[in-house]
Amino acid sequence: MSNKSLLLIDDDVELTDLLTEYLSPQGYDITVAHDGESGLARATGSEHFDLILLDVMLPKLDGFEVLKRIRVSHLTPVLMLTARGDDFDRIFGLELGADDYLPKPFNHRELSARVKAIVRRMDMLPTVSRQQKLQIENVVLCPSTQQVSCSENAVELTGTEFAILQLLMINKGQLVSKSDISEKVLGRRLAAFDRSIDMHVSNIRKKLGRYAEDEKIKTVRGAGYMFMVQM
């Protein structure tokens, strides 16, 4: 099996050296960029990357601006590296389309686990693509092409958003807990005060809401989410 290609955008040279040394033996080819401009150029260039590790605090272009520009043309999974305790960084990154975040300083094993979870989910796409198309009223989700439409309008979702919507649609009319979503989509247990699932669902709602008058996803406070079916 060929190595996975990771783009690491972080201005901390010592950290990038350590992460390269740590992740390379685990089957990852690491490309490093030490500022936002060069990182954006690599991320949106001709090279293919399975995952981007993106620090928030960067010279030239900060991580948020880099992520915003990446999402204009690419849906490559992005794991944001944020300042510990800074909820704004985490929430804003998820709003812009990050797949997950990890607060600094972090344990290298935790980083490895997050990376493996995202890469594993992407590797499952060929299996997922053999599943049948899902259609609930005016929302259509096609696993074979990883495309979603609402009222015949294309809806651009990140890989994480697509996987969450698919899980909710498969379980239409039934409550899906945030814990289940976190474990099945993010590949990790839901931590206390973790807002990542909420933000991903909020993003999906906004994108579907551009073409639908009715609310597609219902929040069951303190429990989870449900894809609504009109009676």
C-alpha atoms as a PDB file:
ATOM      1  CA  MET A   1       0.000   0.000   0.000  1.00  0.00           C
ATOM      2  CA  SER A   2       1.406   3.389  -1.006  1.00  0.00           C
ATOM      3  CA  ASN A   3       2.141   6.082   1.537  1.00  0.00           C
ATOM      4  CA  LYS A   4      -0.381   8.826   2.240  1.00  0.00           C
ATOM      5  CA  SER A   5       0.631  12.351   1.352  1.00  0.00           C
ATOM      6  CA  LEU A   6       0.357  14.999   4.082  1.00  0.00           C
ATOM      7  CA  LEU A   7       0.937  18.742   3.755  1.00  0.00           C
ATOM      8  CA  LEU A   8       2.065  20.311   7.034  1.00  0.00           C
ATOM      9  CA  ILE A   9       1.750  24.112   7.147  1.00  0.00           C
ATOM     10  CA  ASP A  10       3.336  25.474  10.320  1.00  0.00           C
ATOM     11  CA  ASP A  11       6.018  28.104  10.949  1.00  0.00           C
ATOM     12  CA  ASP A  12       7.500  26.220  13.924  1.00  0.00           C
ATOM     13  CA  VAL A  13      10.510  24.573  12.275  1.00  0.00           C
ATOM     14  CA  GLU A  14      11.366  22.458  15.307  1.00  0.00           C
ATOM     15  CA  LEU A  15       7.798  21.135  15.490  1.00  0.00           C
ATOM     16  CA  THR A  16       7.594  20.339  11.780  1.00  0.00           C
ATOM     17  CA  ASP A  17      10.902  18.469  11.999  1.00  0.00           C
ATOM     18  CA  LEU A  18       9.627  16.448  14.967  1.00  0.00           C
ATOM     19  CA  LEU A  19       6.303  15.661  13.286  1.00  0.00           C
ATOM     20  CA  THR A  20       8.025  14.649  10.065  1.00  0.00           C
ATOM     21  CA  GLU A  21      10.302  12.325  12.016  1.00  0.00           C
ATOM     22  CA  TYR A  22       7.326  10.938  13.961  1.00  0.00           C
ATOM     23  CA  LEU A  23       4.797  10.482  11.133  1.00  0.00           C
ATOM     24  CA  SER A  24       7.068   9.353   8.284  1.00  0.00           C
ATOM     25  CA  PRO A  25       7.647   5.831   9.694  1.00  0.00           C
ATOM     26  CA  GLN A  26       3.864   5.456  10.012  1.00  0.00           C
ATOM     27  CA  GLY A  27       3.412   5.545   6.245  1.00  0.00           C
ATOM     28  CA  TYR A  28       3.104   9.255   5.490  1.00  0.00           C
ATOM     29  CA  ASP A  29       5.020  11.356   3.001  1.00  0.00           C
ATOM     30  CA  ILE A  30       5.323  14.809   4.574  1.00  0.00           C
ATOM     31  CA  THR A  31       5.582  18.061   2.646  1.00  0.00           C
ATOM     32  CA  VAL A  32       6.288  21.118   4.805  1.00  0.00           C
ATOM     33  CA  ALA A  33       5.510  24.807   4.272  1.00  0.00           C
ATOM     34  CA  HIS A  34       6.490  27.422   6.861  1.00  0.00           C
ATOM     35  CA  ASP A  35       4.207  30.299   5.900  1.00  0.00           C
ATOM     36  CA  GLY A  36       0.668  30.787   4.662  1.00  0.00           C
ATOM     37  CA  GLU A  37       1.506  31.892   1.131  1.00  0.00           C
ATOM     38  CA  SER A  38       3.739  28.945   0.284  1.00  0.00           C
ATOM     39  CA  GLY A  39       1.367  26.562   2.063  1.00  0.00           C
ATOM     40  CA  LEU A  40      -1.579  27.813   0.008  1.00  0.00           C
ATOM     41  CA  ALA A  41       0.437  27.476  -3.191  1.00  0.00           C
ATOM     42  CA  ARG A  42       1.269  23.834  -2.400  1.00  0.00           C
ATOM     43  CA  ALA A  43      -2.292  23.041  -1.269  1.00  0.00           C
ATOM     44  CA  THR A  44      -3.899  24.406  -4.434  1.00  0.00           C
ATOM     45  CA  GLY A  45      -1.180  23.387  -6.892  1.00  0.00           C
ATOM     46  CA  SER A  46      -0.848  20.261  -8.995  1.00  0.00           C
ATOM     47  CA  GLU A  47       0.261  17.991  -6.124  1.00  0.00           C
ATOM     48  CA  HIS A  48      -2.260  15.663  -4.498  1.00  0.00           C
ATOM     49  CA  PHE A  49      -2.499  15.612  -0.701  1.00  0.00           C
ATOM     50  CA  ASP A  50      -4.593  13.201   1.339  1.00  0.00           C
ATOM     51  CA  LEU A  51      -4.653  15.573   4.315  1.00  0.00           C
ATOM     52  CA  ILE A  52      -3.527  19.074   5.251  1.00  0.00           C
ATOM     53  CA  LEU A  53      -2.349  19.914   8.777  1.00  0.00           C
ATOM     54  CA  LEU A  54      -2.806  23.670   9.091  1.00  0.00           C
ATOM     55  CA  ASP A  55      -1.660  25.928  11.916  1.00  0.00           C
ATOM     56  CA  VAL A  56      -3.723  29.039  12.664  1.00  0.00           C
ATOM     57  CA  MET A  57      -0.873  31.418  13.485  1.00  0.00           C
ATOM     58  CA  LEU A  58       1.193  31.786  10.304  1.00  0.00           C
ATOM     59  CA  PRO A  59       3.265  34.556   8.705  1.00  0.00           C
ATOM     60  CA  LYS A  60       2.133  36.196   5.416  1.00  0.00           C
ATOM     61  CA  LEU A  61      -1.321  34.562   5.459  1.00  0.00           C
ATOM     62  CA  ASP A  62      -2.934  33.226   8.637  1.00  0.00           C
ATOM     63  CA  GLY A  63      -4.428  29.752   8.738  1.00  0.00           C
ATOM     64  CA  PHE A  64      -8.006  30.990   8.433  1.00  0.00           C
ATOM     65  CA  GLU A  65      -7.288  32.857   5.213  1.00  0.00           C
ATOM     66  CA  VAL A  66      -5.390  29.855   3.845  1.00  0.00           C
ATOM     67  CA  LEU A  67      -8.323  27.556   4.635  1.00  0.00           C
ATOM     68  CA  LYS A  68     -10.825  29.982   3.118  1.00  0.00           C
ATOM     69  CA  ARG A  69      -8.866  30.115  -0.141  1.00  0.00           C
ATOM     70  CA  ILE A  70      -8.331  26.342  -0.219  1.00  0.00           C
ATOM     71  CA  ARG A  71     -12.071  25.763   0.071  1.00  0.00           C
ATOM     72  CA  VAL A  72     -12.741  27.881  -3.016  1.00  0.00           C
ATOM     73  CA  SER A  73     -11.373  25.100  -5.195  1.00  0.00           C
ATOM     74  CA  HIS A  74     -10.388  22.083  -3.070  1.00  0.00           C
ATOM     75  CA  LEU A  75     -12.162  19.778  -0.603  1.00  0.00           C
ATOM     76  CA  THR A  76      -8.942  18.211   0.700  1.00  0.00           C
ATOM     77  CA  PRO A  77      -9.455  17.261   4.383  1.00  0.00           C
ATOM     78  CA  VAL A  78      -7.957  19.867   6.734  1.00  0.00           C
ATOM     79  CA  LEU A  79      -6.992  19.333  10.366  1.00  0.00           C
ATOM     80  CA  MET A  80      -6.547  22.722  12.068  1.00  0.00           C
ATOM     81  CA  LEU A  81      -3.917  23.157  14.772  1.00  0.00           C
ATOM     82  CA  THR A  82      -5.290  25.777  17.167  1.00  0.00           C
ATOM     83  CA  ALA A  83      -4.212  27.525  20.357  1.00  0.00           C
ATOM     84  CA  ARG A  84      -5.292  25.599  23.440  1.00  0.00           C
ATOM     85  CA  GLY A  85      -8.356  27.058  25.084  1.00  0.00           C
ATOM     86  CA  ASP A  86      -9.174  29.393  22.201  1.00  0.00           C
ATOM     87  CA  ASP A  87     -12.752  28.394  21.330  1.00  0.00           C
ATOM     88  CA  PHE A  88     -13.006  31.154  18.726  1.00  0.00           C
ATOM     89  CA  ASP A  89     -10.192  29.618  16.662  1.00  0.00           C
ATOM     90  CA  ARG A  90     -11.811  26.201  16.735  1.00  0.00           C
ATOM     91  CA  ILE A  91     -15.331  27.357  15.915  1.00  0.00           C
ATOM     92  CA  PHE A  92     -14.211  29.763  13.206  1.00  0.00           C
ATOM     93  CA  GLY A  93     -12.048  27.100  11.584  1.00  0.00           C
ATOM     94  CA  LEU A  94     -14.966  24.664  11.484  1.00  0.00           C
ATOM     95  CA  GLU A  95     -17.230  27.353  10.051  1.00  0.00           C
ATOM     96  CA  LEU A  96     -14.733  27.867   7.230  1.00  0.00           C
ATOM     97  CA  GLY A  97     -14.740  24.162   6.402  1.00  0.00           C
ATOM     98  CA  ALA A  98     -12.058  22.493   8.537  1.00  0.00           C
ATOM     99  CA  ASP A  99     -12.708  18.785   9.060  1.00  0.00           C
ATOM    100  CA  ASP A 100     -11.394  18.690  12.609  1.00  0.00           C
ATOM    101  CA  TYR A 101      -9.136  20.587  14.993  1.00  0.00           C
ATOM    102  CA  LEU A 102      -6.480  19.768  17.557  1.00  0.00           C
ATOM    103  CA  PRO A 103      -5.418  22.228  20.283  1.00  0.00           C
ATOM    104  CA  LYS A 104      -1.728  23.009  20.820  1.00  0.00           C
ATOM    105  CA  PRO A 105       0.282  21.763  22.571  1.00  0.00           C
ATOM    106  CA  PHE A 106      -0.848  18.258  21.661  1.00  0.00           C
ATOM    107  CA  ASN A 107       0.272  14.725  22.333  1.00  0.00           C
ATOM    108  CA  HIS A 108       1.848  13.172  19.243  1.00  0.00           C
ATOM    109  CA  ARG A 109      -0.217  10.018  19.710  1.00  0.00           C
ATOM    110  CA  GLU A 110      -3.397  12.091  19.687  1.00  0.00           C
ATOM    111  CA  LEU A 111      -2.296  13.771  16.454  1.00  0.00           C
ATOM    112  CA  SER A 112      -1.517  10.386  14.918  1.00  0.00           C
ATOM    113  CA  ALA A 113      -4.963   9.095  15.936  1.00  0.00           C
ATOM    114  CA  ARG A 114      -6.713  12.119  14.392  1.00  0.00           C
ATOM    115  CA  VAL A 115      -4.731  11.777  11.177  1.00  0.00           C
ATOM    116  CA  LYS A 116      -5.486   8.050  10.931  1.00  0.00           C
ATOM    117  CA  ALA A 117      -9.202   8.644  11.538  1.00  0.00           C
ATOM    118  CA  ILE A 118      -9.468  11.194   8.717  1.00  0.00           C
ATOM    119  CA  VAL A 119      -7.377   9.150   6.286  1.00  0.00           C
ATOM    120  CA  ARG A 120      -9.347   5.996   7.135  1.00  0.00           C
ATOM    121  CA  ARG A 121     -12.611   7.786   6.413  1.00  0.00           C
ATOM    122  CA  MET A 122     -11.317   8.930   3.028  1.00  0.00           C
ATOM    123  CA  ASP A 123     -10.105   5.409   2.253  1.00  0.00           C
ATOM    124  CA  MET A 124     -13.629   4.125   2.926  1.00  0.00           C
ATOM    125  CA  LEU A 125     -15.086   6.267   0.136  1.00  0.00           C
ATOM    126  CA  PRO A 126     -14.650   3.588  -2.552  1.00  0.00           C
ATOM    127  CA  THR A 127     -16.689   1.231  -0.322  1.00  0.00           C
ATOM    128  CA  VAL A 128     -19.235   3.933   0.416  1.00  0.00           C
ATOM    129  CA  SER A 129     -19.531   4.672  -3.298  1.00  0.00           C
ATOM    130  CA  ARG A 130     -21.071   1.259  -3.889  1.00  0.00           C
ATOM    131  CA  GLN A 131     -24.034   2.213  -1.713  1.00  0.00           C
ATOM    132  CA  GLN A 132     -27.243   3.321  -3.360  1.00  0.00           C
ATOM    133  CA  LYS A 133     -28.163   6.927  -3.967  1.00  0.00           C
ATOM    134  CA  LEU A 134     -30.160   8.467  -1.146  1.00  0.00           C
ATOM    135  CA  GLN A 135     -33.065  10.784  -1.874  1.00  0.00           C
ATOM    136  CA  ILE A 136     -35.340  12.359   0.704  1.00  0.00           C
ATOM    137  CA  GLU A 137     -37.763  14.794  -0.878  1.00  0.00           C
ATOM    138  CA  ASN A 138     -35.628  17.415  -2.676  1.00  0.00           C
ATOM    139  CA  VAL A 139     -32.285  16.374  -1.151  1.00  0.00           C
ATOM    140  CA  VAL A 140     -30.253  13.857  -3.149  1.00  0.00           C
ATOM    141  CA  LEU A 141     -26.966  12.344  -1.941  1.00  0.00           C
ATOM    142  CA  CYS A 142     -24.950  10.259  -4.395  1.00  0.00           C
ATOM    143  CA  PRO A 143     -22.137   8.214  -2.757  1.00  0.00           C
ATOM    144  CA  SER A 144     -20.628   7.153  -6.094  1.00  0.00           C
ATOM    145  CA  THR A 145     -19.784  10.749  -7.010  1.00  0.00           C
ATOM    146  CA  GLN A 146     -19.677  12.273  -3.513  1.00  0.00           C
ATOM    147  CA  GLN A 147     -22.218  14.844  -4.700  1.00  0.00           C
ATOM    148  CA  VAL A 148     -25.218  16.357  -2.969  1.00  0.00           C
ATOM    149  CA  SER A 149     -28.020  18.398  -4.501  1.00  0.00           C
ATOM    150  CA  CYS A 150     -30.992  20.243  -3.060  1.00  0.00           C
ATOM    151  CA  SER A 151     -33.872  21.237  -5.341  1.00  0.00           C
ATOM    152  CA  GLU A 152     -31.576  20.236  -8.237  1.00  0.00           C
ATOM    153  CA  ASN A 153     -28.883  22.691  -7.121  1.00  0.00           C
ATOM    154  CA  ALA A 154     -25.385  21.352  -6.372  1.00  0.00           C
ATOM    155  CA  VAL A 155     -24.382  21.635  -2.714  1.00  0.00           C
ATOM    156  CA  GLU A 156     -20.627  21.668  -2.035  1.00  0.00           C
ATOM    157  CA  LEU A 157     -19.827  19.775   1.166  1.00  0.00           C
ATOM    158  CA  THR A 158     -16.514  18.867   2.748  1.00  0.00           C
ATOM    159  CA  GLY A 159     -15.802  15.180   3.309  1.00  0.00           C
ATOM    160  CA  THR A 160     -16.813  15.443   6.959  1.00  0.00           C
ATOM    161  CA  GLU A 161     -20.039  17.277   6.149  1.00  0.00           C
ATOM    162  CA  PHE A 162     -20.877  14.719   3.459  1.00  0.00           C
ATOM    163  CA  ALA A 163     -20.337  11.814   5.880  1.00  0.00           C
ATOM    164  CA  ILE A 164     -22.512  13.445   8.561  1.00  0.00           C
ATOM    165  CA  LEU A 165     -25.336  14.173   6.125  1.00  0.00           C
ATOM    166  CA  GLN A 166     -25.155  10.632   4.793  1.00  0.00           C
ATOM    167  CA  LEU A 167     -25.397   9.189   8.318  1.00  0.00           C
ATOM    168  CA  LEU A 168     -28.406  11.385   9.099  1.00  0.00           C
ATOM    169  CA  MET A 169     -30.157  10.531   5.833  1.00  0.00           C
ATOM    170  CA  ILE A 170     -29.601   6.794   6.279  1.00  0.00           C
ATOM    171  CA  ASN A 171     -31.289   7.157   9.671  1.00  0.00           C
ATOM    172  CA  LYS A 172     -34.005   9.520   8.438  1.00  0.00           C
ATOM    173  CA  GLY A 173     -36.659  10.329  11.025  1.00  0.00           C
ATOM    174  CA  GLN A 174     -34.525   8.843  13.806  1.00  0.00           C
ATOM    175  CA  LEU A 175     -32.376  10.541  16.394  1.00  0.00           C
ATOM    176  CA  VAL A 176     -28.627  10.199  15.821  1.00  0.00           C
ATOM    177  CA  SER A 177     -26.645  11.171  18.902  1.00  0.00           C
ATOM    178  CA  LYS A 178     -23.657  13.490  18.738  1.00  0.00           C
ATOM    179  CA  SER A 179     -21.602  10.693  20.284  1.00  0.00           C
ATOM    180  CA  ASP A 180     -22.505   8.356  17.423  1.00  0.00           C
ATOM    181  CA  ILE A 181     -21.700  11.015  14.842  1.00  0.00           C
ATOM    182  CA  SER A 182     -18.335  11.740  16.451  1.00  0.00           C
ATOM    183  CA  GLU A 183     -17.337   8.079  16.625  1.00  0.00           C
ATOM    184  CA  LYS A 184     -18.622   7.068  13.187  1.00  0.00           C
ATOM    185  CA  VAL A 185     -17.516  10.157  11.262  1.00  0.00           C
ATOM    186  CA  LEU A 186     -14.620  11.746  13.171  1.00  0.00           C
ATOM    187  CA  GLY A 187     -13.365   8.429  14.478  1.00  0.00           C
ATOM    188  CA  ARG A 188     -13.101   9.577  18.084  1.00  0.00           C
ATOM    189  CA  ARG A 189     -15.167   9.793  21.227  1.00  0.00           C
ATOM    190  CA  LEU A 190     -17.071  13.004  21.804  1.00  0.00           C
ATOM    191  CA  ALA A 191     -15.270  15.134  24.380  1.00  0.00           C
ATOM    192  CA  ALA A 192     -17.022  17.377  26.884  1.00  0.00           C
ATOM    193  CA  PHE A 193     -17.739  20.853  25.474  1.00  0.00           C
ATOM    194  CA  ASP A 194     -16.720  19.719  21.971  1.00  0.00           C
ATOM    195  CA  ARG A 195     -18.598  21.924  19.486  1.00  0.00           C
ATOM    196  CA  SER A 196     -17.246  20.335  16.311  1.00  0.00           C
ATOM    197  CA  ILE A 197     -20.341  18.276  15.467  1.00  0.00           C
ATOM    198  CA  ASP A 198     -22.604  21.271  16.105  1.00  0.00           C
ATOM    199  CA  MET A 199     -20.554  23.416  13.742  1.00  0.00           C
ATOM    200  CA  HIS A 200     -20.465  20.792  10.985  1.00  0.00           C
ATOM    201  CA  VAL A 201     -24.254  20.385  11.186  1.00  0.00           C
ATOM    202  CA  SER A 202     -24.651  24.170  11.175  1.00  0.00           C
ATOM    203  CA  ASN A 203     -22.587  24.328   7.974  1.00  0.00           C
ATOM    204  CA  ILE A 204     -24.747  21.636   6.348  1.00  0.00           C
ATOM    205  CA  ARG A 205     -27.916  23.495   7.341  1.00  0.00           C
ATOM    206  CA  LYS A 206     -26.664  26.756   5.837  1.00  0.00           C
ATOM    207  CA  LYS A 207     -25.693  25.092   2.571  1.00  0.00           C
ATOM    208  CA  LEU A 208     -28.986  23.199   2.213  1.00  0.00           C
ATOM    209  CA  GLY A 209     -30.902  26.273   3.361  1.00  0.00           C
ATOM    210  CA  ARG A 210     -29.861  28.215   0.276  1.00  0.00           C
ATOM    211  CA  TYR A 211     -32.183  26.030  -1.780  1.00  0.00           C
ATOM    212  CA  ALA A 212     -34.783  24.771   0.707  1.00  0.00           C
ATOM    213  CA  GLU A 213     -37.433  26.668   2.633  1.00  0.00           C
ATOM    214  CA  ASP A 214     -38.046  23.962   5.221  1.00  0.00           C
ATOM    215  CA  GLU A 215     -35.596  22.909   7.943  1.00  0.00           C
ATOM    216  CA  LYS A 216     -34.006  19.599   6.952  1.00  0.00           C
ATOM    217  CA  ILE A 217     -32.122  18.775  10.149  1.00  0.00           C
ATOM    218  CA  LYS A 218     -33.775  19.017  13.554  1.00  0.00           C
ATOM    219  CA  THR A 219     -31.766  19.551  16.729  1.00  0.00           C
ATOM    220  CA  VAL A 220     -32.838  17.472  19.700  1.00  0.00           C
ATOM    221  CA  ARG A 221     -31.344  19.556  22.492  1.00  0.00           C
ATOM    222  CA  GLY A 222     -28.787  17.700  24.551  1.00  0.00           C
ATOM    223  CA  ALA A 223     -29.211  14.527  22.504  1.00  0.00           C
ATOM    224  CA  GLY A 224     -28.346  14.856  18.831  1.00  0.00           C
ATOM    225  CA  TYR A 225     -29.824  15.440  15.376  1.00  0.00           C
ATOM    226  CA  MET A 226     -32.518  14.062  13.116  1.00  0.00           C
ATOM    227  CA  PHE A 227     -33.059  14.363   9.357  1.00  0.00           C
ATOM    228  CA  MET A 228     -36.702  15.359   9.056  1.00  0.00           C
ATOM    229  CA  VAL A 229     -39.203  13.620   6.821  1.00  0.00           C
ATOM    230  CA  GLN A 230     -42.367  15.534   5.956  1.00  0.00           C
ATOM    231  CA  MET A 231     -45.505  13.584   6.794  1.00  0.00           C
END
